[in-house]
């Protein structure tokens, strides 16, 4: 249960952290262009 809770909590932040930089990159690229 402790491992499951820790993994379930972490995976939300890890998933968003993998995706949001690409959104940041795309918006910044368009701004520079």
ModelCIF file with pLDDT and N, C-alpha, C, O atoms, coordinates in Angstrom:
data_MODEL
#
_entry.id   MODEL 
#
_entity.id                         1 
_entity.type                       polymer 
_entity.pdbx_number_of_molecules   1 
#
_entity_poly.entity_id                      1 
_entity_poly.type                           'polypeptide(L)' 
_entity_poly.nstd_linkage                   no 
_entity_poly.nstd_monomer                   no 
_entity_poly.pdbx_seq_one_letter_code       
;(UNK)(UNK)(UNK)(UNK)(UNK)(UNK)(UNK)(UNK)(UNK)(UNK)(UNK)(UNK)(UNK)(UNK)(UNK)(UNK)
(UNK)(UNK)(UNK)(UNK)(UNK)(UNK)(UNK)(UNK)(UNK)(UNK)(UNK)(UNK)(UNK)(UNK)(UNK)(UNK)
(UNK)
;
_entity_poly.pdbx_seq_one_letter_code_can   XXXXXXXXXXXXXXXXXXXXXXXXXXXXXXXXX 
_entity_poly.pdbx_strand_id                 A 
#
loop_
_entity_poly_seq.entity_id 
_entity_poly_seq.num 
_entity_poly_seq.mon_id 
_entity_poly_seq.hetero 
1 1  UNK n 
1 2  UNK n 
1 3  UNK n 
1 4  UNK n 
1 5  UNK n 
1 6  UNK n 
1 7  UNK n 
1 8  UNK n 
1 9  UNK n 
1 10 UNK n 
1 11 UNK n 
1 12 UNK n 
1 13 UNK n 
1 14 UNK n 
1 15 UNK n 
1 16 UNK n 
1 17 UNK n 
1 18 UNK n 
1 19 UNK n 
1 20 UNK n 
1 21 UNK n 
1 22 UNK n 
1 23 UNK n 
1 24 UNK n 
1 25 UNK n 
1 26 UNK n 
1 27 UNK n 
1 28 UNK n 
1 29 UNK n 
1 30 UNK n 
1 31 UNK n 
1 32 UNK n 
1 33 UNK n 
#
_struct_asym.id          A 
_struct_asym.entity_id   1 
#
loop_
_ma_qa_metric.id 
_ma_qa_metric.mode 
_ma_qa_metric.name 
_ma_qa_metric.software_group_id 
_ma_qa_metric.type 
1 global pLDDT . pLDDT 
2 local  pLDDT . pLDDT 
#
_ma_qa_metric_global.metric_id      1 
_ma_qa_metric_global.metric_value   91.97 
_ma_qa_metric_global.model_id       1 
_ma_qa_metric_global.ordinal_id     1 
#
loop_
_ma_qa_metric_local.label_asym_id 
_ma_qa_metric_local.label_comp_id 
_ma_qa_metric_local.label_seq_id 
_ma_qa_metric_local.metric_id 
_ma_qa_metric_local.metric_value 
_ma_qa_metric_local.model_id 
_ma_qa_metric_local.ordinal_id 
A UNK 1  2 92.00 1 1  
A UNK 2  2 92.00 1 2  
A UNK 3  2 92.00 1 3  
A UNK 4  2 92.00 1 4  
A UNK 5  2 92.00 1 5  
A UNK 6  2 91.00 1 6  
A UNK 7  2 90.00 1 7  
A UNK 8  2 91.00 1 8  
A UNK 9  2 90.00 1 9  
A UNK 10 2 90.00 1 10 
A UNK 11 2 91.00 1 11 
A UNK 12 2 90.00 1 12 
A UNK 13 2 89.00 1 13 
A UNK 14 2 89.00 1 14 
A UNK 15 2 91.00 1 15 
A UNK 16 2 90.00 1 16 
A UNK 17 2 88.00 1 17 
A UNK 18 2 90.00 1 18 
A UNK 19 2 93.00 1 19 
A UNK 20 2 92.00 1 20 
A UNK 21 2 92.00 1 21 
A UNK 22 2 94.00 1 22 
A UNK 23 2 94.00 1 23 
A UNK 24 2 92.00 1 24 
A UNK 25 2 95.00 1 25 
A UNK 26 2 94.00 1 26 
A UNK 27 2 94.00 1 27 
A UNK 28 2 95.00 1 28 
A UNK 29 2 95.00 1 29 
A UNK 30 2 95.00 1 30 
A UNK 31 2 94.00 1 31 
A UNK 32 2 94.00 1 32 
A UNK 33 2 92.00 1 33 
#
loop_
_atom_site.group_PDB 
_atom_site.id 
_atom_site.type_symbol 
_atom_site.label_atom_id 
_atom_site.label_alt_id 
_atom_site.label_comp_id 
_atom_site.label_asym_id 
_atom_site.label_entity_id 
_atom_site.label_seq_id 
_atom_site.pdbx_PDB_ins_code 
_atom_site.Cartn_x 
_atom_site.Cartn_y 
_atom_site.Cartn_z 
_atom_site.occupancy 
_atom_site.B_iso_or_equiv 
_atom_site.pdbx_formal_charge 
_atom_site.auth_seq_id 
_atom_site.auth_comp_id 
_atom_site.auth_asym_id 
_atom_site.auth_atom_id 
_atom_site.pdbx_PDB_model_num 
ATOM 1   N N  . UNK A 1 1  ? 0.830  -1.207 0.000   1.00 92.00 ? 1  UNK A N  1 
ATOM 2   C CA . UNK A 1 1  ? 0.000  0.000  0.000   1.00 92.00 ? 1  UNK A CA 1 
ATOM 3   C C  . UNK A 1 1  ? 0.863  1.255  0.000   1.00 92.00 ? 1  UNK A C  1 
ATOM 4   O O  . UNK A 1 1  ? 0.561  2.222  -0.699  1.00 92.00 ? 1  UNK A O  1 
ATOM 5   N N  . UNK A 1 2  ? 1.940  1.237  0.788   1.00 92.00 ? 2  UNK A N  1 
ATOM 6   C CA . UNK A 1 2  ? 2.835  2.396  0.818   1.00 92.00 ? 2  UNK A CA 1 
ATOM 7   C C  . UNK A 1 2  ? 3.480  2.610  -0.542  1.00 92.00 ? 2  UNK A C  1 
ATOM 8   O O  . UNK A 1 2  ? 3.573  3.741  -1.020  1.00 92.00 ? 2  UNK A O  1 
ATOM 9   N N  . UNK A 1 3  ? 3.928  1.521  -1.169  1.00 92.00 ? 3  UNK A N  1 
ATOM 10  C CA . UNK A 1 3  ? 4.548  1.636  -2.483  1.00 92.00 ? 3  UNK A CA 1 
ATOM 11  C C  . UNK A 1 3  ? 3.529  2.106  -3.519  1.00 92.00 ? 3  UNK A C  1 
ATOM 12  O O  . UNK A 1 3  ? 3.841  2.935  -4.374  1.00 92.00 ? 3  UNK A O  1 
ATOM 13  N N  . UNK A 1 4  ? 2.313  1.573  -3.437  1.00 92.00 ? 4  UNK A N  1 
ATOM 14  C CA . UNK A 1 4  ? 1.273  1.943  -4.399  1.00 92.00 ? 4  UNK A CA 1 
ATOM 15  C C  . UNK A 1 4  ? 0.908  3.417  -4.263  1.00 92.00 ? 4  UNK A C  1 
ATOM 16  O O  . UNK A 1 4  ? 0.766  4.123  -5.262  1.00 92.00 ? 4  UNK A O  1 
ATOM 17  N N  . UNK A 1 5  ? 0.756  3.877  -3.022  1.00 92.00 ? 5  UNK A N  1 
ATOM 18  C CA . UNK A 1 5  ? 0.415  5.285  -2.811  1.00 92.00 ? 5  UNK A CA 1 
ATOM 19  C C  . UNK A 1 5  ? 1.518  6.193  -3.328  1.00 92.00 ? 5  UNK A C  1 
ATOM 20  O O  . UNK A 1 5  ? 1.242  7.192  -3.992  1.00 92.00 ? 5  UNK A O  1 
ATOM 21  N N  . UNK A 1 6  ? 2.761  5.853  -3.031  1.00 91.00 ? 6  UNK A N  1 
ATOM 22  C CA . UNK A 1 6  ? 3.893  6.671  -3.465  1.00 91.00 ? 6  UNK A CA 1 
ATOM 23  C C  . UNK A 1 6  ? 3.990  6.715  -4.987  1.00 91.00 ? 6  UNK A C  1 
ATOM 24  O O  . UNK A 1 6  ? 4.213  7.775  -5.571  1.00 91.00 ? 6  UNK A O  1 
ATOM 25  N N  . UNK A 1 7  ? 3.823  5.569  -5.618  1.00 90.00 ? 7  UNK A N  1 
ATOM 26  C CA . UNK A 1 7  ? 3.888  5.514  -7.076  1.00 90.00 ? 7  UNK A CA 1 
ATOM 27  C C  . UNK A 1 7  ? 2.718  6.264  -7.702  1.00 90.00 ? 7  UNK A C  1 
ATOM 28  O O  . UNK A 1 7  ? 2.904  7.034  -8.645  1.00 90.00 ? 7  UNK A O  1 
ATOM 29  N N  . UNK A 1 8  ? 1.504  6.042  -7.178  1.00 91.00 ? 8  UNK A N  1 
ATOM 30  C CA . UNK A 1 8  ? 0.333  6.710  -7.725  1.00 91.00 ? 8  UNK A CA 1 
ATOM 31  C C  . UNK A 1 8  ? 0.419  8.218  -7.606  1.00 91.00 ? 8  UNK A C  1 
ATOM 32  O O  . UNK A 1 8  ? -0.034 8.939  -8.495  1.00 91.00 ? 8  UNK A O  1 
ATOM 33  N N  . UNK A 1 9  ? 0.997  8.700  -6.515  1.00 90.00 ? 9  UNK A N  1 
ATOM 34  C CA . UNK A 1 9  ? 1.173  10.139 -6.319  1.00 90.00 ? 9  UNK A CA 1 
ATOM 35  C C  . UNK A 1 9  ? 2.229  10.686 -7.280  1.00 90.00 ? 9  UNK A C  1 
ATOM 36  O O  . UNK A 1 9  ? 2.014  11.701 -7.943  1.00 90.00 ? 9  UNK A O  1 
ATOM 37  N N  . UNK A 1 10 ? 3.356  10.012 -7.345  1.00 90.00 ? 10 UNK A N  1 
ATOM 38  C CA . UNK A 1 10 ? 4.482  10.498 -8.155  1.00 90.00 ? 10 UNK A CA 1 
ATOM 39  C C  . UNK A 1 10 ? 4.154  10.515 -9.634  1.00 90.00 ? 10 UNK A C  1 
ATOM 40  O O  . UNK A 1 10 ? 4.579  11.423 -10.349 1.00 90.00 ? 10 UNK A O  1 
ATOM 41  N N  . UNK A 1 11 ? 3.410  9.534  -10.103 1.00 91.00 ? 11 UNK A N  1 
ATOM 42  C CA . UNK A 1 11 ? 3.202  9.392  -11.543 1.00 91.00 ? 11 UNK A CA 1 
ATOM 43  C C  . UNK A 1 11 ? 2.440  10.573 -12.122 1.00 91.00 ? 11 UNK A C  1 
ATOM 44  O O  . UNK A 1 11 ? 2.607  10.889 -13.300 1.00 91.00 ? 11 UNK A O  1 
ATOM 45  N N  . UNK A 1 12 ? 1.607  11.233 -11.324 1.00 90.00 ? 12 UNK A N  1 
ATOM 46  C CA . UNK A 1 12 ? 0.893  12.410 -11.812 1.00 90.00 ? 12 UNK A CA 1 
ATOM 47  C C  . UNK A 1 12 ? 1.880  13.531 -12.118 1.00 90.00 ? 12 UNK A C  1 
ATOM 48  O O  . UNK A 1 12 ? 1.841  14.123 -13.196 1.00 90.00 ? 12 UNK A O  1 
ATOM 49  N N  . UNK A 1 13 ? 2.764  13.819 -11.167 1.00 89.00 ? 13 UNK A N  1 
ATOM 50  C CA . UNK A 1 13 ? 3.730  14.895 -11.351 1.00 89.00 ? 13 UNK A CA 1 
ATOM 51  C C  . UNK A 1 13 ? 4.742  14.541 -12.441 1.00 89.00 ? 13 UNK A C  1 
ATOM 52  O O  . UNK A 1 13 ? 5.136  15.398 -13.231 1.00 89.00 ? 13 UNK A O  1 
ATOM 53  N N  . UNK A 1 14 ? 5.158  13.278 -12.478 1.00 89.00 ? 14 UNK A N  1 
ATOM 54  C CA . UNK A 1 14 ? 6.120  12.859 -13.497 1.00 89.00 ? 14 UNK A CA 1 
ATOM 55  C C  . UNK A 1 14 ? 5.526  12.987 -14.896 1.00 89.00 ? 14 UNK A C  1 
ATOM 56  O O  . UNK A 1 14 ? 6.208  13.423 -15.823 1.00 89.00 ? 14 UNK A O  1 
ATOM 57  N N  . UNK A 1 15 ? 4.271  12.614 -15.050 1.00 91.00 ? 15 UNK A N  1 
ATOM 58  C CA . UNK A 1 15 ? 3.623  12.679 -16.371 1.00 91.00 ? 15 UNK A CA 1 
ATOM 59  C C  . UNK A 1 15 ? 3.508  14.109 -16.863 1.00 91.00 ? 15 UNK A C  1 
ATOM 60  O O  . UNK A 1 15 ? 3.837  14.402 -18.013 1.00 91.00 ? 15 UNK A O  1 
ATOM 61  N N  . UNK A 1 16 ? 3.041  15.002 -15.997 1.00 90.00 ? 16 UNK A N  1 
ATOM 62  C CA . UNK A 1 16 ? 2.906  16.397 -16.391 1.00 90.00 ? 16 UNK A CA 1 
ATOM 63  C C  . UNK A 1 16 ? 4.268  17.003 -16.697 1.00 90.00 ? 16 UNK A C  1 
ATOM 64  O O  . UNK A 1 16 ? 4.411  17.789 -17.634 1.00 90.00 ? 16 UNK A O  1 
ATOM 65  N N  . UNK A 1 17 ? 5.269  16.633 -15.901 1.00 88.00 ? 17 UNK A N  1 
ATOM 66  C CA . UNK A 1 17 ? 6.620  17.175 -16.107 1.00 88.00 ? 17 UNK A CA 1 
ATOM 67  C C  . UNK A 1 17 ? 7.230  16.708 -17.414 1.00 88.00 ? 17 UNK A C  1 
ATOM 68  O O  . UNK A 1 17 ? 8.107  17.383 -17.952 1.00 88.00 ? 17 UNK A O  1 
ATOM 69  N N  . UNK A 1 18 ? 6.793  15.573 -17.942 1.00 90.00 ? 18 UNK A N  1 
ATOM 70  C CA . UNK A 1 18 ? 7.291  15.100 -19.228 1.00 90.00 ? 18 UNK A CA 1 
ATOM 71  C C  . UNK A 1 18 ? 6.650  15.852 -20.380 1.00 90.00 ? 18 UNK A C  1 
ATOM 72  O O  . UNK A 1 18 ? 7.263  16.005 -21.437 1.00 90.00 ? 18 UNK A O  1 
ATOM 73  N N  . UNK A 1 19 ? 5.424  16.324 -20.190 1.00 93.00 ? 19 UNK A N  1 
ATOM 74  C CA . UNK A 1 19 ? 4.650  16.900 -21.292 1.00 93.00 ? 19 UNK A CA 1 
ATOM 75  C C  . UNK A 1 19 ? 4.742  18.420 -21.338 1.00 93.00 ? 19 UNK A C  1 
ATOM 76  O O  . UNK A 1 19 ? 4.901  18.997 -22.414 1.00 93.00 ? 19 UNK A O  1 
ATOM 77  N N  . UNK A 1 20 ? 4.642  19.073 -20.186 1.00 92.00 ? 20 UNK A N  1 
ATOM 78  C CA . UNK A 1 20 ? 4.563  20.532 -20.158 1.00 92.00 ? 20 UNK A CA 1 
ATOM 79  C C  . UNK A 1 20 ? 5.754  21.234 -20.811 1.00 92.00 ? 20 UNK A C  1 
ATOM 80  O O  . UNK A 1 20 ? 5.559  22.277 -21.437 1.00 92.00 ? 20 UNK A O  1 
ATOM 81  N N  . UNK A 1 21 ? 6.991  20.707 -20.694 1.00 92.00 ? 21 UNK A N  1 
ATOM 82  C CA . UNK A 1 21 ? 8.099  21.380 -21.389 1.00 92.00 ? 21 UNK A CA 1 
ATOM 83  C C  . UNK A 1 21 ? 7.908  21.460 -22.903 1.00 92.00 ? 21 UNK A C  1 
ATOM 84  O O  . UNK A 1 21 ? 8.353  22.424 -23.527 1.00 92.00 ? 21 UNK A O  1 
ATOM 85  N N  . UNK A 1 22 ? 7.252  20.460 -23.502 1.00 94.00 ? 22 UNK A N  1 
ATOM 86  C CA . UNK A 1 22 ? 7.017  20.522 -24.944 1.00 94.00 ? 22 UNK A CA 1 
ATOM 87  C C  . UNK A 1 22 ? 5.990  21.600 -25.286 1.00 94.00 ? 22 UNK A C  1 
ATOM 88  O O  . UNK A 1 22 ? 6.086  22.240 -26.334 1.00 94.00 ? 22 UNK A O  1 
ATOM 89  N N  . UNK A 1 23 ? 5.009  21.803 -24.404 1.00 94.00 ? 23 UNK A N  1 
ATOM 90  C CA . UNK A 1 23 ? 4.063  22.900 -24.595 1.00 94.00 ? 23 UNK A CA 1 
ATOM 91  C C  . UNK A 1 23 ? 4.799  24.235 -24.485 1.00 94.00 ? 23 UNK A C  1 
ATOM 92  O O  . UNK A 1 23 ? 4.589  25.144 -25.287 1.00 94.00 ? 23 UNK A O  1 
ATOM 93  N N  . UNK A 1 24 ? 5.650  24.331 -23.490 1.00 92.00 ? 24 UNK A N  1 
ATOM 94  C CA . UNK A 1 24 ? 6.468  25.526 -23.288 1.00 92.00 ? 24 UNK A CA 1 
ATOM 95  C C  . UNK A 1 24 ? 7.330  25.796 -24.520 1.00 92.00 ? 24 UNK A C  1 
ATOM 96  O O  . UNK A 1 24 ? 7.436  26.934 -24.977 1.00 92.00 ? 24 UNK A O  1 
ATOM 97  N N  . UNK A 1 25 ? 7.936  24.753 -25.043 1.00 95.00 ? 25 UNK A N  1 
ATOM 98  C CA . UNK A 1 25 ? 8.784  24.886 -26.232 1.00 95.00 ? 25 UNK A CA 1 
ATOM 99  C C  . UNK A 1 25 ? 7.982  25.356 -27.436 1.00 95.00 ? 25 UNK A C  1 
ATOM 100 O O  . UNK A 1 25 ? 8.408  26.263 -28.149 1.00 95.00 ? 25 UNK A O  1 
ATOM 101 N N  . UNK A 1 26 ? 6.820  24.744 -27.668 1.00 94.00 ? 26 UNK A N  1 
ATOM 102 C CA . UNK A 1 26 ? 6.013  25.086 -28.844 1.00 94.00 ? 26 UNK A CA 1 
ATOM 103 C C  . UNK A 1 26 ? 5.545  26.537 -28.784 1.00 94.00 ? 26 UNK A C  1 
ATOM 104 O O  . UNK A 1 26 ? 5.608  27.253 -29.784 1.00 94.00 ? 26 UNK A O  1 
ATOM 105 N N  . UNK A 1 27 ? 5.074  26.975 -27.608 1.00 94.00 ? 27 UNK A N  1 
ATOM 106 C CA . UNK A 1 27 ? 4.610  28.352 -27.476 1.00 94.00 ? 27 UNK A CA 1 
ATOM 107 C C  . UNK A 1 27 ? 5.762  29.344 -27.661 1.00 94.00 ? 27 UNK A C  1 
ATOM 108 O O  . UNK A 1 27 ? 5.599  30.379 -28.308 1.00 94.00 ? 27 UNK A O  1 
ATOM 109 N N  . UNK A 1 28 ? 6.918  29.024 -27.093 1.00 95.00 ? 28 UNK A N  1 
ATOM 110 C CA . UNK A 1 28 ? 8.064  29.929 -27.203 1.00 95.00 ? 28 UNK A CA 1 
ATOM 111 C C  . UNK A 1 28 ? 8.585  29.993 -28.640 1.00 95.00 ? 28 UNK A C  1 
ATOM 112 O O  . UNK A 1 28 ? 8.973  31.056 -29.123 1.00 95.00 ? 28 UNK A O  1 
ATOM 113 N N  . UNK A 1 29 ? 8.590  28.858 -29.305 1.00 95.00 ? 29 UNK A N  1 
ATOM 114 C CA . UNK A 1 29 ? 9.018  28.839 -30.715 1.00 95.00 ? 29 UNK A CA 1 
ATOM 115 C C  . UNK A 1 29 ? 8.121  29.737 -31.557 1.00 95.00 ? 29 UNK A C  1 
ATOM 116 O O  . UNK A 1 29 ? 8.607  30.507 -32.385 1.00 95.00 ? 29 UNK A O  1 
ATOM 117 N N  . UNK A 1 30 ? 6.817  29.639 -31.346 1.00 95.00 ? 30 UNK A N  1 
ATOM 118 C CA . UNK A 1 30 ? 5.889  30.471 -32.113 1.00 95.00 ? 30 UNK A CA 1 
ATOM 119 C C  . UNK A 1 30 ? 6.038  31.947 -31.765 1.00 95.00 ? 30 UNK A C  1 
ATOM 120 O O  . UNK A 1 30 ? 5.885  32.817 -32.622 1.00 95.00 ? 30 UNK A O  1 
ATOM 121 N N  . UNK A 1 31 ? 6.340  32.218 -30.496 1.00 94.00 ? 31 UNK A N  1 
ATOM 122 C CA . UNK A 1 31 ? 6.548  33.619 -30.112 1.00 94.00 ? 31 UNK A CA 1 
ATOM 123 C C  . UNK A 1 31 ? 7.777  34.187 -30.819 1.00 94.00 ? 31 UNK A C  1 
ATOM 124 O O  . UNK A 1 31 ? 7.740  35.301 -31.342 1.00 94.00 ? 31 UNK A O  1 
ATOM 125 N N  . UNK A 1 32 ? 8.863  33.418 -30.832 1.00 94.00 ? 32 UNK A N  1 
ATOM 126 C CA . UNK A 1 32 ? 10.069 33.898 -31.496 1.00 94.00 ? 32 UNK A CA 1 
ATOM 127 C C  . UNK A 1 32 ? 9.853  34.075 -32.995 1.00 94.00 ? 32 UNK A C  1 
ATOM 128 O O  . UNK A 1 32 ? 10.473 34.935 -33.620 1.00 94.00 ? 32 UNK A O  1 
ATOM 129 N N  . UNK A 1 33 ? 8.973  33.261 -33.565 1.00 92.00 ? 33 UNK A N  1 
ATOM 130 C CA . UNK A 1 33 ? 8.722  33.337 -35.008 1.00 92.00 ? 33 UNK A CA 1 
ATOM 131 C C  . UNK A 1 33 ? 7.741  34.453 -35.361 1.00 92.00 ? 33 UNK A C  1 
ATOM 132 O O  . UNK A 1 33 ? 7.425  34.649 -36.534 1.00 92.00 ? 33 UNK A O  1 
#
